[in-house]
N, C-alpha and C. Protein backbone atom coordinates (compact mmCIF):
# COMPACT_ATOMS: atom_id res chain seq x y z
N MET A 1 9.87 -37.83 36.22
CA MET A 1 8.66 -37.72 36.04
C MET A 1 7.90 -38.95 36.22
N ALA A 2 6.52 -38.95 36.79
CA ALA A 2 6.03 -40.03 37.25
C ALA A 2 4.85 -40.39 36.06
N ALA A 3 4.67 -41.51 35.46
CA ALA A 3 3.47 -41.70 34.76
C ALA A 3 2.37 -42.03 35.32
N LEU A 4 1.34 -41.19 35.17
CA LEU A 4 -0.01 -41.15 35.91
C LEU A 4 -0.52 -42.32 35.35
N PRO A 5 -1.48 -43.42 35.92
CA PRO A 5 -2.43 -44.43 35.58
C PRO A 5 -3.53 -43.72 34.82
N THR A 6 -4.18 -44.33 33.79
CA THR A 6 -5.47 -43.92 33.35
C THR A 6 -6.51 -44.69 33.70
N GLN A 7 -7.46 -44.14 34.68
CA GLN A 7 -8.73 -44.96 34.91
C GLN A 7 -9.72 -44.51 34.02
N VAL A 8 -10.41 -46.03 33.82
CA VAL A 8 -11.62 -45.86 32.70
C VAL A 8 -13.06 -46.19 33.39
N PRO A 9 -13.70 -45.04 33.78
CA PRO A 9 -15.16 -45.35 34.33
C PRO A 9 -15.72 -46.48 33.74
N PRO A 10 -16.39 -47.55 34.50
CA PRO A 10 -17.32 -48.47 33.98
C PRO A 10 -18.94 -47.56 33.94
N LEU A 11 -19.76 -48.50 33.42
CA LEU A 11 -21.00 -47.80 33.35
C LEU A 11 -21.48 -47.60 34.74
N ALA A 12 -21.27 -48.59 35.75
CA ALA A 12 -21.66 -48.32 37.00
C ALA A 12 -20.94 -47.33 37.96
N GLY A 13 -20.01 -46.67 37.21
CA GLY A 13 -19.30 -45.27 38.32
C GLY A 13 -17.79 -45.67 38.42
N LEU A 14 -17.21 -44.56 38.81
CA LEU A 14 -15.98 -45.03 39.30
C LEU A 14 -15.47 -44.20 40.39
N ALA A 15 -14.92 -44.89 41.49
CA ALA A 15 -14.43 -44.14 42.70
C ALA A 15 -12.72 -43.77 42.18
N VAL A 16 -12.66 -42.65 42.18
CA VAL A 16 -11.26 -42.24 41.60
C VAL A 16 -10.23 -42.06 42.39
N ASP A 17 -9.18 -42.83 42.16
CA ASP A 17 -7.87 -43.08 42.71
C ASP A 17 -7.23 -41.79 42.54
N PHE A 18 -6.65 -40.80 43.45
CA PHE A 18 -5.61 -39.73 43.12
C PHE A 18 -4.38 -40.44 43.73
N ASP A 19 -3.28 -39.65 42.89
CA ASP A 19 -2.22 -39.88 43.51
C ASP A 19 -1.49 -38.39 43.66
N ALA A 20 -0.30 -38.45 44.57
CA ALA A 20 0.40 -37.26 44.95
C ALA A 20 1.15 -36.53 43.57
N ALA A 21 0.95 -35.37 43.43
CA ALA A 21 1.69 -34.71 42.16
C ALA A 21 2.95 -34.94 42.79
N ALA A 22 3.87 -35.20 41.63
CA ALA A 22 5.36 -35.32 41.50
C ALA A 22 5.84 -34.18 41.32
N GLY A 23 6.92 -33.70 42.36
CA GLY A 23 7.71 -32.60 42.41
C GLY A 23 8.51 -32.42 41.14
N GLY A 24 8.79 -33.31 40.75
CA GLY A 24 9.50 -33.29 39.05
C GLY A 24 8.57 -33.40 37.81
N GLY A 25 7.36 -33.57 38.08
CA GLY A 25 6.17 -33.50 37.04
C GLY A 25 6.03 -34.61 36.93
N ASP A 26 5.00 -34.88 35.91
CA ASP A 26 3.99 -36.10 35.80
C ASP A 26 3.92 -36.23 34.05
N THR A 27 3.52 -37.39 33.67
CA THR A 27 3.31 -37.56 32.29
C THR A 27 2.05 -38.37 32.26
N CYS A 28 1.14 -38.35 31.24
CA CYS A 28 -0.13 -38.96 31.20
C CYS A 28 -0.73 -39.06 29.83
N LEU A 29 -1.44 -40.07 29.54
CA LEU A 29 -2.07 -40.32 28.30
C LEU A 29 -2.56 -39.11 27.42
N THR A 30 -2.60 -39.07 26.56
CA THR A 30 -3.32 -38.10 25.74
C THR A 30 -4.69 -38.34 24.85
N GLY A 31 -5.52 -37.42 24.14
CA GLY A 31 -6.35 -38.26 23.21
C GLY A 31 -7.82 -37.46 23.93
N ALA A 32 -8.79 -37.92 22.78
CA ALA A 32 -10.01 -37.53 23.12
C ALA A 32 -10.53 -37.97 24.21
N GLY A 33 -11.40 -37.22 24.94
CA GLY A 33 -12.04 -37.92 26.28
C GLY A 33 -11.06 -38.31 27.56
N VAL A 34 -9.77 -37.83 27.56
CA VAL A 34 -8.65 -37.74 28.29
C VAL A 34 -8.80 -36.45 29.55
N LEU A 35 -9.10 -36.93 30.58
CA LEU A 35 -8.94 -35.62 31.67
C LEU A 35 -8.23 -35.83 32.63
N LEU A 36 -7.31 -34.84 33.14
CA LEU A 36 -6.51 -34.64 34.08
C LEU A 36 -7.61 -33.82 35.40
N LEU A 37 -7.40 -34.77 36.28
CA LEU A 37 -8.17 -34.01 37.53
C LEU A 37 -7.07 -33.66 38.65
N VAL A 38 -7.09 -32.56 39.18
CA VAL A 38 -6.55 -31.87 39.74
C VAL A 38 -6.85 -31.42 41.25
N ARG A 39 -6.86 -32.02 42.23
CA ARG A 39 -7.33 -31.63 43.56
C ARG A 39 -6.53 -31.03 44.16
N ASN A 40 -6.64 -29.53 44.71
CA ASN A 40 -5.76 -28.94 45.54
C ASN A 40 -6.16 -29.00 47.11
N GLY A 41 -5.61 -29.35 47.83
CA GLY A 41 -5.96 -29.57 49.25
C GLY A 41 -4.97 -28.47 50.03
N ASP A 42 -4.45 -27.62 48.88
CA ASP A 42 -3.55 -26.47 49.94
C ASP A 42 -4.04 -25.43 50.34
N ALA A 43 -3.67 -24.70 51.05
CA ALA A 43 -4.26 -23.49 51.52
C ALA A 43 -4.06 -22.44 50.50
N GLY A 44 -3.22 -22.67 49.77
CA GLY A 44 -3.14 -21.62 48.61
C GLY A 44 -3.41 -22.25 47.14
N SER A 45 -3.40 -21.08 46.26
CA SER A 45 -3.49 -21.73 44.68
C SER A 45 -2.16 -22.30 44.30
N HIS A 46 -2.48 -23.35 43.22
CA HIS A 46 -1.26 -23.72 42.46
C HIS A 46 -1.34 -23.61 41.16
N THR A 47 -0.54 -23.54 40.11
CA THR A 47 -0.73 -23.64 38.52
C THR A 47 -0.14 -24.84 38.02
N VAL A 48 -1.23 -25.55 37.19
CA VAL A 48 -0.67 -26.65 36.63
C VAL A 48 -0.10 -26.44 35.09
N THR A 49 0.60 -26.94 34.72
CA THR A 49 0.99 -26.54 33.36
C THR A 49 1.02 -27.84 32.52
N LEU A 50 0.23 -27.64 31.30
CA LEU A 50 0.72 -28.74 30.42
C LEU A 50 1.59 -28.14 29.19
N VAL A 51 2.65 -28.86 29.10
CA VAL A 51 3.78 -28.62 28.05
C VAL A 51 3.23 -28.73 26.46
N THR A 52 3.34 -27.98 25.78
CA THR A 52 2.85 -28.09 24.19
C THR A 52 4.20 -28.07 23.49
N PRO A 53 4.18 -29.13 22.96
CA PRO A 53 5.65 -29.39 22.14
C PRO A 53 5.52 -29.07 20.76
N GLY A 54 4.45 -28.44 20.16
CA GLY A 54 4.21 -28.11 18.88
C GLY A 54 4.85 -26.80 18.53
N THR A 55 4.93 -26.40 17.13
CA THR A 55 5.26 -25.18 16.85
C THR A 55 4.80 -24.81 15.25
N VAL A 56 4.42 -23.35 15.15
CA VAL A 56 3.60 -23.00 14.34
C VAL A 56 4.64 -22.19 13.27
N ASP A 57 5.06 -22.29 12.21
CA ASP A 57 5.83 -21.65 11.63
C ASP A 57 7.04 -21.29 12.11
N GLY A 58 7.78 -22.39 12.93
CA GLY A 58 9.03 -22.34 13.53
C GLY A 58 8.85 -21.72 14.79
N LEU A 59 7.42 -21.00 15.29
CA LEU A 59 7.45 -20.57 16.64
C LEU A 59 6.76 -21.43 17.44
N ALA A 60 7.40 -21.29 18.70
CA ALA A 60 6.82 -22.36 19.90
C ALA A 60 5.55 -22.19 20.43
N ILE A 61 4.70 -22.92 20.58
CA ILE A 61 3.09 -22.87 20.86
C ILE A 61 3.19 -22.55 22.33
N ALA A 62 2.85 -21.55 22.80
CA ALA A 62 3.00 -21.54 24.51
C ALA A 62 2.35 -22.59 25.35
N ASP A 63 2.88 -22.89 26.61
CA ASP A 63 2.28 -24.14 27.56
C ASP A 63 0.90 -23.38 28.03
N ARG A 64 0.26 -24.39 28.41
CA ARG A 64 -0.91 -24.10 28.70
C ARG A 64 -1.09 -24.13 30.46
N ALA A 65 -1.17 -22.95 30.98
CA ALA A 65 -1.05 -23.06 32.60
C ALA A 65 -2.49 -22.81 33.16
N ILE A 66 -2.86 -23.58 33.99
CA ILE A 66 -4.05 -23.67 34.69
C ILE A 66 -4.02 -23.44 35.99
N PRO A 67 -4.57 -22.41 36.54
CA PRO A 67 -4.89 -22.26 38.14
C PRO A 67 -5.80 -22.82 38.75
N VAL A 68 -5.37 -23.29 39.86
CA VAL A 68 -6.17 -24.41 40.51
C VAL A 68 -6.44 -23.91 42.09
N ALA A 69 -7.50 -23.33 42.16
CA ALA A 69 -7.71 -22.60 43.62
C ALA A 69 -7.60 -23.61 44.71
N ALA A 70 -7.27 -22.90 45.94
CA ALA A 70 -7.28 -23.67 47.04
C ALA A 70 -8.63 -24.33 47.49
N GLY A 71 -8.51 -25.77 47.75
CA GLY A 71 -9.80 -26.38 47.98
C GLY A 71 -10.64 -27.13 46.71
N ALA A 72 -10.27 -26.28 45.36
CA ALA A 72 -10.61 -26.82 44.18
C ALA A 72 -10.25 -28.01 43.58
N ILE A 73 -11.17 -28.66 42.90
CA ILE A 73 -10.88 -29.69 41.87
C ILE A 73 -10.93 -29.52 40.41
N GLU A 74 -10.12 -29.30 39.55
CA GLU A 74 -10.31 -28.77 38.19
C GLU A 74 -10.24 -30.25 37.26
N ALA A 75 -11.11 -30.11 36.36
CA ALA A 75 -10.73 -31.37 35.23
C ALA A 75 -10.35 -30.62 33.97
N ILE A 76 -9.09 -30.99 33.64
CA ILE A 76 -8.22 -30.41 32.71
C ILE A 76 -8.44 -31.23 31.45
N PRO A 77 -8.78 -31.12 30.11
CA PRO A 77 -8.65 -31.97 29.00
C PRO A 77 -7.22 -32.10 28.59
N VAL A 78 -6.80 -33.09 27.87
CA VAL A 78 -5.47 -33.20 27.75
C VAL A 78 -5.57 -33.74 26.38
N THR A 79 -5.55 -33.17 25.44
CA THR A 79 -5.73 -33.42 23.96
C THR A 79 -4.53 -33.76 23.68
N ASN A 80 -4.45 -34.37 22.21
CA ASN A 80 -3.46 -34.45 21.33
C ASN A 80 -2.26 -33.54 20.96
N ALA A 81 -2.79 -32.30 21.42
CA ALA A 81 -2.12 -31.11 21.19
C ALA A 81 -0.91 -31.30 22.50
N TYR A 82 -0.84 -31.80 23.26
CA TYR A 82 -0.18 -31.71 24.47
C TYR A 82 0.97 -33.10 24.14
N ARG A 83 0.57 -33.96 23.34
CA ARG A 83 1.07 -35.32 22.99
C ARG A 83 2.64 -34.82 22.99
N ASN A 84 3.51 -35.69 23.47
CA ASN A 84 5.30 -35.29 23.40
C ASN A 84 5.51 -36.39 22.25
N PRO A 85 6.06 -35.80 20.96
CA PRO A 85 6.32 -37.05 19.89
C PRO A 85 7.19 -38.05 20.44
N SER A 86 8.19 -37.73 21.38
CA SER A 86 9.28 -38.68 21.82
C SER A 86 8.60 -39.92 22.72
N THR A 87 7.77 -39.42 23.64
CA THR A 87 7.24 -40.15 24.37
C THR A 87 5.79 -40.87 24.06
N GLY A 88 4.95 -39.95 23.50
CA GLY A 88 3.74 -40.35 23.34
C GLY A 88 2.67 -39.77 24.48
N GLN A 89 3.31 -39.13 25.46
CA GLN A 89 2.85 -38.78 26.52
C GLN A 89 2.62 -37.30 26.79
N ALA A 90 1.64 -36.67 27.58
CA ALA A 90 1.83 -35.17 27.83
C ALA A 90 2.65 -35.01 28.99
N ASN A 91 3.36 -33.88 29.11
CA ASN A 91 4.18 -33.68 30.24
C ASN A 91 3.67 -32.58 31.26
N ILE A 92 3.35 -32.61 32.37
CA ILE A 92 2.73 -31.66 33.36
C ILE A 92 3.79 -31.41 34.44
N THR A 93 3.65 -30.28 34.53
CA THR A 93 4.46 -29.65 35.84
C THR A 93 3.40 -28.79 36.57
N TYR A 94 4.10 -28.61 38.12
CA TYR A 94 3.30 -28.00 38.83
C TYR A 94 4.28 -26.60 39.56
N ASP A 95 3.68 -25.26 40.10
CA ASP A 95 4.42 -24.74 40.69
C ASP A 95 4.71 -25.04 41.73
N GLY A 96 3.93 -25.96 42.41
CA GLY A 96 4.25 -26.70 43.72
C GLY A 96 3.25 -27.80 43.85
N VAL A 97 3.56 -28.66 45.07
CA VAL A 97 3.12 -29.85 44.85
C VAL A 97 2.36 -30.40 46.38
N THR A 98 2.54 -29.49 47.07
CA THR A 98 2.15 -29.68 48.69
C THR A 98 0.69 -29.79 48.65
N SER A 99 -0.19 -31.10 49.17
CA SER A 99 -1.37 -31.19 49.16
C SER A 99 -2.16 -31.25 47.82
N VAL A 100 -1.28 -31.32 46.57
CA VAL A 100 -1.87 -31.21 45.33
C VAL A 100 -2.07 -33.00 45.00
N GLU A 101 -3.08 -33.40 44.56
CA GLU A 101 -3.21 -34.78 43.87
C GLU A 101 -4.02 -34.56 42.61
N VAL A 102 -3.40 -35.54 41.98
CA VAL A 102 -3.91 -35.85 40.31
C VAL A 102 -4.53 -37.22 40.08
N ALA A 103 -5.45 -37.14 39.09
CA ALA A 103 -5.66 -38.58 38.67
C ALA A 103 -5.84 -38.44 37.03
N VAL A 104 -5.97 -39.27 36.24
CA VAL A 104 -6.27 -39.33 34.89
C VAL A 104 -7.38 -40.36 34.35
N ILE A 105 -8.56 -39.90 34.18
CA ILE A 105 -9.82 -40.59 33.53
C ILE A 105 -9.60 -40.65 32.29
N ARG A 106 -10.30 -41.49 31.49
CA ARG A 106 -10.60 -41.66 30.48
C ARG A 106 -12.20 -42.19 29.77
N VAL A 107 -12.97 -41.26 29.34
CA VAL A 107 -14.30 -41.45 29.18
C VAL A 107 -14.48 -42.01 27.34
N ALA A 108 -15.47 -42.39 27.37
CA ALA A 108 -15.82 -42.90 25.81
C ALA A 108 -16.39 -41.51 25.32
N VAL A 109 -16.00 -41.25 24.05
CA VAL A 109 -16.29 -39.87 23.42
C VAL A 109 -17.07 -40.55 22.21
N ALA A 110 -18.44 -40.23 22.14
CA ALA A 110 -19.34 -40.85 20.88
C ALA A 110 -18.94 -40.42 19.55
């Protein structure tokens, strides 16, 4: 898994740098104001999955699967619910990575 860098937009704005989605998945920071941006340049849709490491009463919490349409950009909040307690990062997987690019931004939350 590749660790995605977190970009913090200044007041003047930010030209977001996207990275290719890793076939083995990626990891990223979690928390308030953290967004995973997924750009799907492929001809078909792809599904991005955020792994949810928690349990409730001994039952696993379902992972969050987000479909990203062909040609679309999705902004996905990465809250602390996705924080892996072993690594402190969220684990992200993809059903395919052809023409899929990702970026992580963190914006100030008032």
